Structures are given as structure tokens and as C-alpha cells.
Amino acid sequence: MGNPRTDPWVGDLAGLVEFATDGIVSKTIVDEPRVKVVLFAFSAGQTLSEHTAGTPASIHILQGRASVLLGEDRHDAGPGTYIYMPAHLKHAVDALDDMVFLLHLHRGEA
């Protein structure tokens, strides 16, 4: 990958996916002042515990299935599911299968 701040990048996300045994692997794809994009791969059964973020965020499920907590509500999410989360929303992710998603952190003005 080139420098994400100055070079365009075209790549195969599927080729970047790596699963850790009983773990979570993350790879930053873009890191700009206004947006950060991270590719996550969760082994089945892994959990990103309940937390909040100071900026709005979105996730796009690419592979596998997850149970996603948004506030007090749980949602089943599979390939193609897109979820937008306002800043400070309590959320968590539980991988039901080996699961891959893109996270976008929307940072606002540069």
C-alpha cells in the first residue's frame, strides 16, 4: 500500500484478510484527517466489547455473520449489511462466524 495521504490505492480487500486463531486482526486501509478506514477480521466467537466512539462510525459487513448491539437493540448482520452509528452510541460486535467488516471513522473537518 502506498502512502494513503498522497497516493491513490486500489487493492483486493479479500487478499488482505487474515484470521487469527481465537482473535481479531485489523489493518488500516486509509488514515486521513477526515476519515479512517480499517479492515477487521474476527474469528468465530470473538467479541468487540461494548464501547462508544467520539466520532460517527459505520461498518459494512463483507463476510460472515455478526450480532451487533446498537444502544439497547441487537441486530443480526450478514454480508452486505451497512450500519451507521452516531458519535457516543454504545455498541458491540459479536462474530457468529468467521467475519470480516470495514470500519469507517468519520472524523469531520480537517
PDB file of N, CA and C in Angstrom:
ATOM      1  N   MET A   1       0.842  -1.168   0.000  1.00  0.00           N
ATOM      2  CA  MET A   1       0.000   0.000   0.000  1.00  0.00           C
ATOM      3  C   MET A   1       0.889   1.233   0.000  1.00  0.00           C
ATOM      4  N   GLY A   2       0.518   2.212  -0.826  1.00  0.00           N
ATOM      5  CA  GLY A   2       1.251   3.468  -0.840  1.00  0.00           C
ATOM      6  C   GLY A   2       0.867   4.313   0.359  1.00  0.00           C
ATOM      7  N   ASN A   3       1.415   5.505   0.412  1.00  0.00           N
ATOM      8  CA  ASN A   3       1.071   6.442   1.466  1.00  0.00           C
ATOM      9  C   ASN A   3      -0.388   6.862   1.278  1.00  0.00           C
ATOM     10  N   PRO A   4      -1.288   6.522   2.213  1.00  0.00           N
ATOM     11  CA  PRO A   4      -2.698   6.813   1.996  1.00  0.00           C
ATOM     12  C   PRO A   4      -3.016   8.303   1.948  1.00  0.00           C
ATOM     13  N   ARG A   5      -2.090   9.155   2.347  1.00  0.00           N
ATOM     14  CA  ARG A   5      -2.363  10.593   2.312  1.00  0.00           C
ATOM     15  C   ARG A   5      -2.029  11.205   0.958  1.00  0.00           C
ATOM     16  N   THR A   6      -1.182  10.571   0.150  1.00  0.00           N
ATOM     17  CA  THR A   6      -0.771  11.193  -1.106  1.00  0.00           C
ATOM     18  C   THR A   6      -0.961  10.308  -2.318  1.00  0.00           C
ATOM     19  N   ASP A   7      -1.016   9.010  -2.151  1.00  0.00           N
ATOM     20  CA  ASP A   7      -1.099   8.095  -3.289  1.00  0.00           C
ATOM     21  C   ASP A   7      -2.472   7.439  -3.363  1.00  0.00           C
ATOM     22  N   PRO A   8      -3.039   7.344  -4.566  1.00  0.00           N
ATOM     23  CA  PRO A   8      -4.253   6.540  -4.686  1.00  0.00           C
ATOM     24  C   PRO A   8      -3.906   5.079  -4.424  1.00  0.00           C
ATOM     25  N   TRP A   9      -4.896   4.311  -4.038  1.00  0.00           N
ATOM     26  CA  TRP A   9      -4.677   2.887  -3.784  1.00  0.00           C
ATOM     27  C   TRP A   9      -5.873   2.107  -4.292  1.00  0.00           C
ATOM     28  N   VAL A  10      -5.596   1.082  -5.040  1.00  0.00           N
ATOM     29  CA  VAL A  10      -6.609   0.137  -5.478  1.00  0.00           C
ATOM     30  C   VAL A  10      -6.103  -1.225  -5.061  1.00  0.00           C
ATOM     31  N   GLY A  11      -6.922  -1.983  -4.345  1.00  0.00           N
ATOM     32  CA  GLY A  11      -6.447  -3.272  -3.870  1.00  0.00           C
ATOM     33  C   GLY A  11      -7.571  -4.260  -3.681  1.00  0.00           C
ATOM     34  N   ASP A  12      -7.189  -5.471  -3.434  1.00  0.00           N
ATOM     35  CA  ASP A  12      -8.109  -6.577  -3.213  1.00  0.00           C
ATOM     36  C   ASP A  12      -8.273  -6.766  -1.709  1.00  0.00           C
ATOM     37  N   LEU A  13      -9.405  -6.305  -1.169  1.00  0.00           N
ATOM     38  CA  LEU A  13      -9.620  -6.427   0.275  1.00  0.00           C
ATOM     39  C   LEU A  13      -9.593  -7.884   0.722  1.00  0.00           C
ATOM     40  N   ALA A  14     -10.165  -8.772  -0.084  1.00  0.00           N
ATOM     41  CA  ALA A  14     -10.189 -10.193   0.285  1.00  0.00           C
ATOM     42  C   ALA A  14      -8.769 -10.729   0.459  1.00  0.00           C
ATOM     43  N   GLY A  15      -7.842 -10.227  -0.327  1.00  0.00           N
ATOM     44  CA  GLY A  15      -6.454 -10.661  -0.216  1.00  0.00           C
ATOM     45  C   GLY A  15      -5.756 -10.160   1.038  1.00  0.00           C
ATOM     46  N   LEU A  16      -6.325  -9.155   1.683  1.00  0.00           N
ATOM     47  CA  LEU A  16      -5.744  -8.608   2.914  1.00  0.00           C
ATOM     48  C   LEU A  16      -6.272  -9.287   4.176  1.00  0.00           C
ATOM     49  N   VAL A  17      -7.347 -10.062   4.031  1.00  0.00           N
ATOM     50  CA  VAL A  17      -7.986 -10.681   5.197  1.00  0.00           C
ATOM     51  C   VAL A  17      -7.088 -11.756   5.786  1.00  0.00           C
ATOM     52  N   GLU A  18      -6.859 -11.665   7.094  1.00  0.00           N
ATOM     53  CA  GLU A  18      -6.133 -12.699   7.848  1.00  0.00           C
ATOM     54  C   GLU A  18      -6.912 -12.965   9.119  1.00  0.00           C
ATOM     55  N   PHE A  19      -7.143 -14.226   9.415  1.00  0.00           N
ATOM     56  CA  PHE A  19      -7.804 -14.603  10.657  1.00  0.00           C
ATOM     57  C   PHE A  19      -6.761 -15.096  11.642  1.00  0.00           C
ATOM     58  N   ALA A  20      -6.865 -14.662  12.882  1.00  0.00           N
ATOM     59  CA  ALA A  20      -6.022 -15.166  13.963  1.00  0.00           C
ATOM     60  C   ALA A  20      -6.827 -16.228  14.704  1.00  0.00           C
ATOM     61  N   THR A  21      -6.173 -17.265  15.146  1.00  0.00           N
ATOM     62  CA  THR A  21      -6.860 -18.278  15.934  1.00  0.00           C
ATOM     63  C   THR A  21      -7.391 -17.616  17.194  1.00  0.00           C
ATOM     64  N   ASP A  22      -8.701 -17.677  17.370  1.00  0.00           N
ATOM     65  CA  ASP A  22      -9.342 -17.079  18.548  1.00  0.00           C
ATOM     66  C   ASP A  22      -8.942 -15.625  18.746  1.00  0.00           C
ATOM     67  N   GLY A  23      -8.974 -14.840  17.662  1.00  0.00           N
ATOM     68  CA  GLY A  23      -8.591 -13.441  17.805  1.00  0.00           C
ATOM     69  C   GLY A  23      -9.220 -12.546  16.751  1.00  0.00           C
ATOM     70  N   ILE A  24      -8.799 -11.290  16.769  1.00  0.00           N
ATOM     71  CA  ILE A  24      -9.250 -10.261  15.848  1.00  0.00           C
ATOM     72  C   ILE A  24      -8.020  -9.640  15.203  1.00  0.00           C
ATOM     73  N   VAL A  25      -8.055  -9.495  13.869  1.00  0.00           N
ATOM     74  CA  VAL A  25      -6.959  -8.855  13.145  1.00  0.00           C
ATOM     75  C   VAL A  25      -7.519  -7.595  12.489  1.00  0.00           C
ATOM     76  N   SER A  26      -6.813  -6.475  12.643  1.00  0.00           N
ATOM     77  CA  SER A  26      -7.239  -5.237  11.997  1.00  0.00           C
ATOM     78  C   SER A  26      -6.095  -4.686  11.155  1.00  0.00           C
ATOM     79  N   LYS A  27      -6.461  -4.103  10.007  1.00  0.00           N
ATOM     80  CA  LYS A  27      -5.479  -3.481   9.114  1.00  0.00           C
ATOM     81  C   LYS A  27      -6.029  -2.139   8.655  1.00  0.00           C
ATOM     82  N   THR A  28      -5.276  -1.081   8.876  1.00  0.00           N
ATOM     83  CA  THR A  28      -5.698   0.244   8.435  1.00  0.00           C
ATOM     84  C   THR A  28      -5.479   0.361   6.933  1.00  0.00           C
ATOM     85  N   ILE A  29      -6.546   0.749   6.226  1.00  0.00           N
ATOM     86  CA  ILE A  29      -6.504   0.911   4.772  1.00  0.00           C
ATOM     87  C   ILE A  29      -6.278   2.382   4.415  1.00  0.00           C
ATOM     88  N   VAL A  30      -6.986   3.279   5.091  1.00  0.00           N
ATOM     89  CA  VAL A  30      -6.875   4.725   4.874  1.00  0.00           C
ATOM     90  C   VAL A  30      -6.783   5.392   6.239  1.00  0.00           C
ATOM     91  N   ASP A  31      -5.871   6.360   6.366  1.00  0.00           N
ATOM     92  CA  ASP A  31      -5.772   7.134   7.596  1.00  0.00           C
ATOM     93  C   ASP A  31      -5.554   8.594   7.218  1.00  0.00           C
ATOM     94  N   GLU A  32      -6.650   9.310   7.063  1.00  0.00           N
ATOM     95  CA  GLU A  32      -6.661  10.716   6.665  1.00  0.00           C
ATOM     96  C   GLU A  32      -7.218  11.547   7.818  1.00  0.00           C
ATOM     97  N   PRO A  33      -7.012  12.847   7.789  1.00  0.00           N
ATOM     98  CA  PRO A  33      -7.566  13.670   8.869  1.00  0.00           C
ATOM     99  C   PRO A  33      -9.086  13.550   9.006  1.00  0.00           C
ATOM    100  N   ARG A  34      -9.815  13.349   7.904  1.00  0.00           N
ATOM    101  CA  ARG A  34     -11.276  13.345   7.964  1.00  0.00           C
ATOM    102  C   ARG A  34     -11.892  11.950   8.008  1.00  0.00           C
ATOM    103  N   VAL A  35     -11.129  10.906   7.682  1.00  0.00           N
ATOM    104  CA  VAL A  35     -11.682   9.544   7.688  1.00  0.00           C
ATOM    105  C   VAL A  35     -10.565   8.535   7.932  1.00  0.00           C
ATOM    106  N   LYS A  36     -10.916   7.502   8.664  1.00  0.00           N
ATOM    107  CA  LYS A  36     -10.021   6.360   8.844  1.00  0.00           C
ATOM    108  C   LYS A  36     -10.826   5.123   8.469  1.00  0.00           C
ATOM    109  N   VAL A  37     -10.233   4.242   7.660  1.00  0.00           N
ATOM    110  CA  VAL A  37     -10.886   3.011   7.222  1.00  0.00           C
ATOM    111  C   VAL A  37     -10.028   1.838   7.674  1.00  0.00           C
ATOM    112  N   VAL A  38     -10.656   0.905   8.391  1.00  0.00           N
ATOM    113  CA  VAL A  38      -9.930  -0.238   8.941  1.00  0.00           C
ATOM    114  C   VAL A  38     -10.657  -1.521   8.546  1.00  0.00           C
ATOM    115  N   LEU A  39      -9.910  -2.502   8.066  1.00  0.00           N
ATOM    116  CA  LEU A  39     -10.439  -3.819   7.733  1.00  0.00           C
ATOM    117  C   LEU A  39     -10.269  -4.712   8.959  1.00  0.00           C
ATOM    118  N   PHE A  40     -11.374  -5.282   9.438  1.00  0.00           N
ATOM    119  CA  PHE A  40     -11.351  -6.171  10.594  1.00  0.00           C
ATOM    120  C   PHE A  40     -11.698  -7.590  10.179  1.00  0.00           C
ATOM    121  N   ALA A  41     -11.004  -8.574  10.741  1.00  0.00           N
ATOM    122  CA  ALA A  41     -11.329  -9.992  10.569  1.00  0.00           C
ATOM    123  C   ALA A  41     -11.439 -10.612  11.965  1.00  0.00           C
ATOM    124  N   PHE A  42     -12.628 -11.127  12.283  1.00  0.00           N
ATOM    125  CA  PHE A  42     -12.906 -11.745  13.578  1.00  0.00           C
ATOM    126  C   PHE A  42     -13.012 -13.248  13.386  1.00  0.00           C
ATOM    127  N   SER A  43     -12.353 -14.025  14.205  1.00  0.00           N
ATOM    128  CA  SER A  43     -12.614 -15.461  14.244  1.00  0.00           C
ATOM    129  C   SER A  43     -13.977 -15.671  14.902  1.00  0.00           C
ATOM    130  N   ALA A  44     -14.666 -16.725  14.504  1.00  0.00           N
ATOM    131  CA  ALA A  44     -15.970 -17.026  15.085  1.00  0.00           C
ATOM    132  C   ALA A  44     -15.871 -17.033  16.603  1.00  0.00           C
ATOM    133  N   GLY A  45     -16.862 -16.407  17.254  1.00  0.00           N
ATOM    134  CA  GLY A  45     -16.897 -16.374  18.708  1.00  0.00           C
ATOM    135  C   GLY A  45     -16.208 -15.179  19.340  1.00  0.00           C
ATOM    136  N   GLN A  46     -15.470 -14.401  18.542  1.00  0.00           N
ATOM    137  CA  GLN A  46     -14.777 -13.232  19.092  1.00  0.00           C
ATOM    138  C   GLN A  46     -15.743 -12.072  19.277  1.00  0.00           C
ATOM    139  N   THR A  47     -15.445 -11.215  20.240  1.00  0.00           N
ATOM    140  CA  THR A  47     -16.309 -10.088  20.593  1.00  0.00           C
ATOM    141  C   THR A  47     -15.498  -8.812  20.684  1.00  0.00           C
ATOM    142  N   LEU A  48     -16.057  -7.745  20.120  1.00  0.00           N
ATOM    143  CA  LEU A  48     -15.565  -6.398  20.373  1.00  0.00           C
ATOM    144  C   LEU A  48     -16.501  -5.859  21.435  1.00  0.00           C
ATOM    145  N   SER A  49     -16.010  -5.734  22.660  1.00  0.00           N
ATOM    146  CA  SER A  49     -16.878  -5.434  23.798  1.00  0.00           C
ATOM    147  C   SER A  49     -17.533  -4.061  23.667  1.00  0.00           C
ATOM    148  N   GLU A  50     -18.573  -3.881  24.457  1.00  0.00           N
ATOM    149  CA  GLU A  50     -19.370  -2.658  24.416  1.00  0.00           C
ATOM    150  C   GLU A  50     -18.489  -1.438  24.660  1.00  0.00           C
ATOM    151  N   HIS A  51     -18.648  -0.430  23.798  1.00  0.00           N
ATOM    152  CA  HIS A  51     -17.877   0.802  23.901  1.00  0.00           C
ATOM    153  C   HIS A  51     -18.600   1.910  23.138  1.00  0.00           C
ATOM    154  N   THR A  52     -18.050   3.110  23.175  1.00  0.00           N
ATOM    155  CA  THR A  52     -18.533   4.231  22.377  1.00  0.00           C
ATOM    156  C   THR A  52     -17.353   4.834  21.636  1.00  0.00           C
ATOM    157  N   ALA A  53     -17.659   5.654  20.626  1.00  0.00           N
ATOM    158  CA  ALA A  53     -16.623   6.370  19.885  1.00  0.00           C
ATOM    159  C   ALA A  53     -16.977   7.856  19.898  1.00  0.00           C
ATOM    160  N   GLY A  54     -15.984   8.699  19.895  1.00  0.00           N
ATOM    161  CA  GLY A  54     -16.195  10.133  19.937  1.00  0.00           C
ATOM    162  C   GLY A  54     -16.610  10.731  18.608  1.00  0.00           C
ATOM    163  N   THR A  55     -16.545   9.935  17.541  1.00  0.00           N
ATOM    164  CA  THR A  55     -16.946  10.399  16.217  1.00  0.00           C
ATOM    165  C   THR A  55     -17.954   9.411  15.635  1.00  0.00           C
ATOM    166  N   PRO A  56     -18.746   9.834  14.652  1.00  0.00           N
ATOM    167  CA  PRO A  56     -19.619   8.880  13.973  1.00  0.00           C
ATOM    168  C   PRO A  56     -18.773   7.800  13.297  1.00  0.00           C
ATOM    169  N   ALA A  57     -19.365   6.617  13.153  1.00  0.00           N
ATOM    170  CA  ALA A  57     -18.671   5.492  12.521  1.00  0.00           C
ATOM    171  C   ALA A  57     -19.679   4.658  11.751  1.00  0.00           C
ATOM    172  N   SER A  58     -19.173   3.882  10.809  1.00  0.00           N
ATOM    173  CA  SER A  58     -20.034   2.941  10.103  1.00  0.00           C
ATOM    174  C   SER A  58     -19.257   1.658   9.858  1.00  0.00           C
ATOM    175  N   ILE A  59     -20.005   0.557   9.797  1.00  0.00           N
ATOM    176  CA  ILE A  59     -19.396  -0.722   9.447  1.00  0.00           C
ATOM    177  C   ILE A  59     -20.170  -1.327   8.291  1.00  0.00           C
ATOM    178  N   HIS A  60     -19.437  -2.005   7.427  1.00  0.00           N
ATOM    179  CA  HIS A  60     -20.006  -2.697   6.277  1.00  0.00           C
ATOM    180  C   HIS A  60     -19.535  -4.146   6.364  1.00  0.00           C
ATOM    181  N   ILE A  61     -20.462  -5.058   6.621  1.00  0.00           N
ATOM    182  CA  ILE A  61     -20.122  -6.482   6.740  1.00  0.00           C
ATOM    183  C   ILE A  61     -19.824  -7.024   5.348  1.00  0.00           C
ATOM    184  N   LEU A  62     -18.651  -7.618   5.179  1.00  0.00           N
ATOM    185  CA  LEU A  62     -18.242  -8.170   3.894  1.00  0.00           C
ATOM    186  C   LEU A  62     -18.379  -9.687   3.839  1.00  0.00           C
ATOM    187  N   GLN A  63     -18.213 -10.339   4.986  1.00  0.00           N
ATOM    188  CA  GLN A  63     -18.201 -11.812   5.024  1.00  0.00           C
ATOM    189  C   GLN A  63     -18.639 -12.270   6.406  1.00  0.00           C
ATOM    190  N   GLY A  64     -19.359 -13.373   6.477  1.00  0.00           N
ATOM    191  CA  GLY A  64     -19.746 -13.957   7.750  1.00  0.00           C
ATOM    192  C   GLY A  64     -20.958 -13.265   8.356  1.00  0.00           C
ATOM    193  N   ARG A  65     -21.264 -13.643   9.589  1.00  0.00           N
ATOM    194  CA  ARG A  65     -22.424 -13.114  10.293  1.00  0.00           C
ATOM    195  C   ARG A  65     -22.001 -12.598  11.657  1.00  0.00           C
ATOM    196  N   ALA A  66     -22.723 -11.569  12.109  1.00  0.00           N
ATOM    197  CA  ALA A  66     -22.439 -10.980  13.413  1.00  0.00           C
ATOM    198  C   ALA A  66     -23.744 -10.598  14.094  1.00  0.00           C
ATOM    199  N   SER A  67     -23.671 -10.479  15.401  1.00  0.00           N
ATOM    200  CA  SER A  67     -24.726  -9.876  16.199  1.00  0.00           C
ATOM    201  C   SER A  67     -24.168  -8.546  16.667  1.00  0.00           C
ATOM    202  N   VAL A  68     -24.864  -7.463  16.317  1.00  0.00           N
ATOM    203  CA  VAL A  68     -24.363  -6.114  16.600  1.00  0.00           C
ATOM    204  C   VAL A  68     -25.308  -5.423  17.572  1.00  0.00           C
ATOM    205  N   LEU A  69     -24.756  -4.949  18.680  1.00  0.00           N
ATOM    206  CA  LEU A  69     -25.514  -4.186  19.663  1.00  0.00           C
ATOM    207  C   LEU A  69     -25.388  -2.707  19.313  1.00  0.00           C
ATOM    208  N   LEU A  70     -26.540  -2.037  19.169  1.00  0.00           N
ATOM    209  CA  LEU A  70     -26.586  -0.593  18.933  1.00  0.00           C
ATOM    210  C   LEU A  70     -27.496  -0.003  19.993  1.00  0.00           C
ATOM    211  N   GLY A  71     -26.937   0.695  20.950  1.00  0.00           N
ATOM    212  CA  GLY A  71     -27.738   1.178  22.072  1.00  0.00           C
ATOM    213  C   GLY A  71     -28.240  -0.012  22.870  1.00  0.00           C
ATOM    214  N   GLU A  72     -29.546  -0.173  22.942  1.00  0.00           N
ATOM    215  CA  GLU A  72     -30.146  -1.299  23.670  1.00  0.00           C
ATOM    216  C   GLU A  72     -30.644  -2.395  22.735  1.00  0.00           C
ATOM    217  N   ASP A  73     -30.476  -2.226  21.408  1.00  0.00           N
ATOM    218  CA  ASP A  73     -31.045  -3.155  20.429  1.00  0.00           C
ATOM    219  C   ASP A  73     -29.972  -4.007  19.765  1.00  0.00           C
ATOM    220  N   ARG A  74     -30.280  -5.302  19.601  1.00  0.00           N
ATOM    221  CA  ARG A  74     -29.392  -6.243  18.898  1.00  0.00           C
ATOM    222  C   ARG A  74     -29.890  -6.420  17.473  1.00  0.00           C
ATOM    223  N   HIS A  75     -28.937  -6.532  16.534  1.00  0.00           N
ATOM    224  CA  HIS A  75     -29.259  -6.708  15.123  1.00  0.00           C
ATOM    225  C   HIS A  75     -28.423  -7.847  14.559  1.00  0.00           C
ATOM    226  N   ASP A  76     -29.053  -8.730  13.780  1.00  0.00           N
ATOM    227  CA  ASP A  76     -28.312  -9.741  13.027  1.00  0.00           C
ATOM    228  C   ASP A  76     -27.775  -9.075  11.773  1.00  0.00           C
ATOM    229  N   ALA A  77     -26.519  -9.315  11.455  1.00  0.00           N
ATOM    230  CA  ALA A  77     -25.885  -8.679  10.308  1.00  0.00           C
ATOM    231  C   ALA A  77     -25.106  -9.712   9.512  1.00  0.00           C
ATOM    232  N   GLY A  78     -25.319  -9.718   8.202  1.00  0.00           N
ATOM    233  CA  GLY A  78     -24.596 -10.614   7.308  1.00  0.00           C
ATOM    234  C   GLY A  78     -23.985  -9.829   6.171  1.00  0.00           C
ATOM    235  N   PRO A  79     -23.405 -10.521   5.199  1.00  0.00           N
ATOM    236  CA  PRO A  79     -22.745  -9.840   4.084  1.00  0.00           C
ATOM    237  C   PRO A  79     -23.674  -8.820   3.428  1.00  0.00           C
ATOM    238  N   GLY A  80     -23.141  -7.634   3.220  1.00  0.00           N
ATOM    239  CA  GLY A  80     -23.903  -6.558   2.610  1.00  0.00           C
ATOM    240  C   GLY A  80     -24.549  -5.623   3.610  1.00  0.00           C
ATOM    241  N   THR A  81     -24.618  -6.004   4.881  1.00  0.00           N
ATOM    242  CA  THR A  81     -25.221  -5.130   5.891  1.00  0.00           C
ATOM    243  C   THR A  81     -24.327  -3.917   6.114  1.00  0.00           C
ATOM    244  N   TYR A  82     -24.970  -2.733   6.145  1.00  0.00           N
ATOM    245  CA  TYR A  82     -24.273  -1.479   6.416  1.00  0.00           C
ATOM    246  C   TYR A  82     -24.920  -0.851   7.639  1.00  0.00           C
ATOM    247  N   ILE A  83     -24.100  -0.451   8.592  1.00  0.00           N
ATOM    248  CA  ILE A  83     -24.600   0.111   9.849  1.00  0.00           C
ATOM    249  C   ILE A  83     -23.914   1.446  10.091  1.00  0.00           C
ATOM    250  N   TYR A  84     -24.715   2.487  10.318  1.00  0.00           N
ATOM    251  CA  TYR A  84     -24.189   3.803  10.675  1.00  0.00           C
ATOM    252  C   TYR A  84     -24.427   4.022  12.169  1.00  0.00           C
ATOM    253  N   MET A  85     -23.412   4.518  12.868  1.00  0.00           N
ATOM    254  CA  MET A  85     -23.501   4.745  14.308  1.00  0.00           C
ATOM    255  C   MET A  85     -23.132   6.190  14.623  1.00  0.00           C
ATOM    256  N   PRO A  86     -24.062   6.970  15.168  1.00  0.00           N
ATOM    257  CA  PRO A  86     -23.721   8.340  15.576  1.00  0.00           C
ATOM    258  C   PRO A  86     -22.656   8.319  16.679  1.00  0.00           C
ATOM    259  N   ALA A  87     -21.970   9.438  16.837  1.00  0.00           N
ATOM    260  CA  ALA A  87     -20.973   9.552  17.911  1.00  0.00           C
ATOM    261  C   ALA A  87     -21.626   9.257  19.252  1.00  0.00           C
ATOM    262  N   HIS A  88     -20.880   8.613  20.131  1.00  0.00           N
ATOM    263  CA  HIS A  88     -21.262   8.333  21.516  1.00  0.00           C
ATOM    264  C   HIS A  88     -22.340   7.251  21.666  1.00  0.00           C
ATOM    265  N   LEU A  89     -22.695   6.551  20.574  1.00  0.00           N
ATOM    266  CA  LEU A  89     -23.661   5.456  20.674  1.00  0.00           C
ATOM    267  C   LEU A  89     -22.956   4.219  21.247  1.00  0.00           C
ATOM    268  N   LYS A  90     -23.527   3.639  22.270  1.00  0.00           N
ATOM    269  CA  LYS A  90     -22.995   2.397  22.845  1.00  0.00           C
ATOM    270  C   LYS A  90     -23.186   1.292  21.800  1.00  0.00           C
ATOM    271  N   HIS A  91     -22.104   0.527  21.528  1.00  0.00           N
ATOM    272  CA  HIS A  91     -22.204  -0.556  20.547  1.00  0.00           C
ATOM    273  C   HIS A  91     -21.194  -1.661  20.858  1.00  0.00           C
ATOM    274  N   ALA A  92     -21.472  -2.850  20.302  1.00  0.00           N
ATOM    275  CA  ALA A  92     -20.597  -4.012  20.457  1.00  0.00           C
ATOM    276  C   ALA A  92     -20.825  -4.924  19.260  1.00  0.00           C
ATOM    277  N   VAL A  93     -19.836  -5.780  18.963  1.00  0.00           N
ATOM    278  CA  VAL A  93     -19.926  -6.708  17.833  1.00  0.00           C
ATOM    279  C   VAL A  93     -19.533  -8.099  18.308  1.00  0.00           C
ATOM    280  N   ASP A  94     -20.381  -9.093  18.017  1.00  0.00           N
ATOM    281  CA  ASP A  94     -20.102 -10.498  18.321  1.00  0.00           C
ATOM    282  C   ASP A  94     -20.088 -11.283  17.016  1.00  0.00           C
ATOM    283  N   ALA A  95     -18.968 -11.919  16.699  1.00  0.00           N
ATOM    284  CA  ALA A  95     -18.858 -12.702  15.467  1.00  0.00           C
ATOM    285  C   ALA A  95     -19.514 -14.068  15.660  1.00  0.00           C
ATOM    286  N   LEU A  96     -20.521 -14.356  14.844  1.00  0.00           N
ATOM    287  CA  LEU A  96     -21.191 -15.662  14.895  1.00  0.00           C
ATOM    288  C   LEU A  96     -20.458 -16.667  14.024  1.00  0.00           C
ATOM    289  N   ASP A  97     -19.802 -16.200  12.978  1.00  0.00           N
ATOM    290  CA  ASP A  97     -18.969 -16.991  12.056  1.00  0.00           C
ATOM    291  C   ASP A  97     -17.636 -16.248  11.950  1.00  0.00           C
ATOM    292  N   ASP A  98     -16.673 -16.829  11.216  1.00  0.00           N
ATOM    293  CA  ASP A  98     -15.530 -16.017  10.814  1.00  0.00           C
ATOM    294  C   ASP A  98     -16.128 -14.843  10.052  1.00  0.00           C
ATOM    295  N   MET A  99     -15.783 -13.627  10.422  1.00  0.00           N
ATOM    296  CA  MET A  99     -16.486 -12.455   9.931  1.00  0.00           C
ATOM    297  C   MET A  99     -15.512 -11.341   9.588  1.00  0.00           C
ATOM    298  N   VAL A 100     -15.809 -10.620   8.503  1.00  0.00           N
ATOM    299  CA  VAL A 100     -14.965  -9.522   8.036  1.00  0.00           C
ATOM    300  C   VAL A 100     -15.843  -8.294   7.841  1.00  0.00           C
ATOM    301  N   PHE A 101     -15.360  -7.122   8.319  1.00  0.00           N
ATOM    302  CA  PHE A 101     -16.064  -5.886   8.016  1.00  0.00           C
ATOM    303  C   PHE A 101     -15.094  -4.736   7.847  1.00  0.00           C
ATOM    304  N   LEU A 102     -15.563  -3.707   7.138  1.00  0.00           N
ATOM    305  CA  LEU A 102     -14.843  -2.443   7.023  1.00  0.00           C
ATOM    306  C   LEU A 102     -15.428  -1.471   8.029  1.00  0.00           C
ATOM    307  N   LEU A 103     -14.576  -0.828   8.785  1.00  0.00           N
ATOM    308  CA  LEU A 103     -14.964   0.237   9.702  1.00  0.00           C
ATOM    309  C   LEU A 103     -14.532   1.565   9.113  1.00  0.00           C
ATOM    310  N   HIS A 104     -15.451   2.522   9.064  1.00  0.00           N
ATOM    311  CA  HIS A 104     -15.141   3.892   8.682  1.00  0.00           C
ATOM    312  C   HIS A 104     -15.357   4.775   9.900  1.00  0.00           C
ATOM    313  N   LEU A 105     -14.323   5.487  10.308  1.00  0.00           N
ATOM    314  CA  LEU A 105     -14.442   6.503  11.355  1.00  0.00           C
ATOM    315  C   LEU A 105     -14.537   7.850  10.643  1.00  0.00           C
ATOM    316  N   HIS A 106     -15.661   8.532  10.830  1.00  0.00           N
ATOM    317  CA  HIS A 106     -15.921   9.806  10.157  1.00  0.00           C
ATOM    318  C   HIS A 106     -15.468  10.923  11.086  1.00  0.00           C
ATOM    319  N   ARG A 107     -14.305  11.485  10.811  1.00  0.00           N
ATOM    320  CA  ARG A 107     -13.669  12.420  11.732  1.00  0.00           C
ATOM    321  C   ARG A 107     -14.094  13.872  11.570  1.00  0.00           C
ATOM    322  N   GLY A 108     -14.808  14.211  10.542  1.00  0.00           N
ATOM    323  CA  GLY A 108     -15.253  15.592  10.360  1.00  0.00           C
ATOM    324  C   GLY A 108     -14.229  16.455   9.684  1.00  0.00           C
ATOM    325  N   GLU A 109     -14.231  17.714  10.009  1.00  0.00           N
ATOM    326  CA  GLU A 109     -13.368  18.700   9.327  1.00  0.00           C
ATOM    327  C   GLU A 109     -11.890  18.426   9.583  1.00  0.00           C
ATOM    328  N   ALA A 110     -11.093  18.697   8.547  1.00  0.00           N
ATOM    329  CA  ALA A 110      -9.631  18.513   8.645  1.00  0.00           C
ATOM    330  C   ALA A 110      -9.008  19.654   9.413  1.00  0.00           C
TER     331      ALA A 110
END
